[in-house]
Amino acid sequence: MPHYEFFCNACKKTFDRILTMAEHDDAEKTVCPRCGSHEVEQRWSAFSAVTSKKSA
């Protein structure tokens, strides 16, 4: 599942969520775990991918 980073405009803290695509599409339900505010915005975050590398 995708990992998303959010920023709370009320308490000025960042937090992470693992959401399904359906949960992400319903972003109005995302609340800050620290203060309970709905004033959150998604932030850009780095990602990594695990791949297999075969040597020749």
C-alpha atoms as a PDB file:
ATOM      1  CA  MET A   1       0.000   0.000   0.000  1.00  0.00           C
ATOM      2  CA  PRO A   2       1.179   3.538  -0.672  1.00  0.00           C
ATOM      3  CA  HIS A   3       2.781   5.564   2.091  1.00  0.00           C
ATOM      4  CA  TYR A   4       1.731   9.244   2.354  1.00  0.00           C
ATOM      5  CA  GLU A   5       3.161  12.154   4.318  1.00  0.00           C
ATOM      6  CA  PHE A   6       0.882  14.901   5.657  1.00  0.00           C
ATOM      7  CA  PHE A   7       1.386  18.259   7.371  1.00  0.00           C
ATOM      8  CA  CYS A   8      -1.055  19.621   9.955  1.00  0.00           C
ATOM      9  CA  ASN A   9      -1.644  23.366   9.609  1.00  0.00           C
ATOM     10  CA  ALA A  10      -3.118  23.549  13.117  1.00  0.00           C
ATOM     11  CA  CYS A  11      -0.246  22.084  15.192  1.00  0.00           C
ATOM     12  CA  LYS A  12       2.504  22.403  12.521  1.00  0.00           C
ATOM     13  CA  LYS A  13       3.531  18.732  12.736  1.00  0.00           C
ATOM     14  CA  THR A  14       4.113  16.151  10.007  1.00  0.00           C
ATOM     15  CA  PHE A  15       2.784  12.604  10.124  1.00  0.00           C
ATOM     16  CA  ASP A  16       2.685   9.543   7.895  1.00  0.00           C
ATOM     17  CA  ARG A  17      -0.202   7.345   6.821  1.00  0.00           C
ATOM     18  CA  ILE A  18      -0.398   4.114   4.865  1.00  0.00           C
ATOM     19  CA  LEU A  19      -3.586   4.385   2.812  1.00  0.00           C
ATOM     20  CA  THR A  20      -5.288   2.411   0.095  1.00  0.00           C
ATOM     21  CA  MET A  21      -6.096   4.312  -3.086  1.00  0.00           C
ATOM     22  CA  ALA A  22      -9.767   4.496  -2.018  1.00  0.00           C
ATOM     23  CA  GLU A  23      -8.825   5.938   1.390  1.00  0.00           C
ATOM     24  CA  HIS A  24      -6.516   8.466  -0.256  1.00  0.00           C
ATOM     25  CA  ASP A  25      -9.286   9.606  -2.611  1.00  0.00           C
ATOM     26  CA  ASP A  26     -11.418  10.380   0.455  1.00  0.00           C
ATOM     27  CA  ALA A  27      -8.779  12.752   1.855  1.00  0.00           C
ATOM     28  CA  GLU A  28     -11.313  14.874   3.771  1.00  0.00           C
ATOM     29  CA  LYS A  29     -11.397  12.125   6.401  1.00  0.00           C
ATOM     30  CA  THR A  30      -7.659  12.415   7.110  1.00  0.00           C
ATOM     31  CA  VAL A  31      -7.116  13.862  10.586  1.00  0.00           C
ATOM     32  CA  CYS A  32      -4.005  14.784  12.512  1.00  0.00           C
ATOM     33  CA  PRO A  33      -3.174  12.078  15.083  1.00  0.00           C
ATOM     34  CA  ARG A  34      -1.757  14.683  17.496  1.00  0.00           C
ATOM     35  CA  CYS A  35      -4.478  17.332  17.627  1.00  0.00           C
ATOM     36  CA  GLY A  36      -7.393  15.809  15.689  1.00  0.00           C
ATOM     37  CA  SER A  37      -7.548  18.671  13.179  1.00  0.00           C
ATOM     38  CA  HIS A  38      -8.849  18.212   9.641  1.00  0.00           C
ATOM     39  CA  GLU A  39      -6.580  21.062   8.449  1.00  0.00           C
ATOM     40  CA  VAL A  40      -4.032  18.726   6.877  1.00  0.00           C
ATOM     41  CA  GLU A  41      -2.316  18.784   3.510  1.00  0.00           C
ATOM     42  CA  GLN A  42      -0.415  16.092   1.711  1.00  0.00           C
ATOM     43  CA  ARG A  43       3.310  16.674   1.301  1.00  0.00           C
ATOM     44  CA  TRP A  44       5.651  15.341  -1.330  1.00  0.00           C
ATOM     45  CA  SER A  45       7.837  12.618   0.061  1.00  0.00           C
ATOM     46  CA  ALA A  46      10.634  10.414  -1.181  1.00  0.00           C
ATOM     47  CA  PHE A  47       9.964   6.841  -2.138  1.00  0.00           C
ATOM     48  CA  SER A  48      12.028   3.775  -2.780  1.00  0.00           C
ATOM     49  CA  ALA A  49      11.532   0.665  -4.820  1.00  0.00           C
ATOM     50  CA  VAL A  50      12.925  -2.779  -4.230  1.00  0.00           C
ATOM     51  CA  THR A  51      14.180  -4.440  -7.371  1.00  0.00           C
ATOM     52  CA  SER A  52      16.195  -7.507  -8.098  1.00  0.00           C
ATOM     53  CA  LYS A  53      19.504  -7.056  -9.829  1.00  0.00           C
ATOM     54  CA  LYS A  54      20.898 -10.050 -11.638  1.00  0.00           C
ATOM     55  CA  SER A  55      24.586 -10.062 -12.402  1.00  0.00           C
ATOM     56  CA  ALA A  56      25.735 -11.183 -15.839  1.00  0.00           C
END
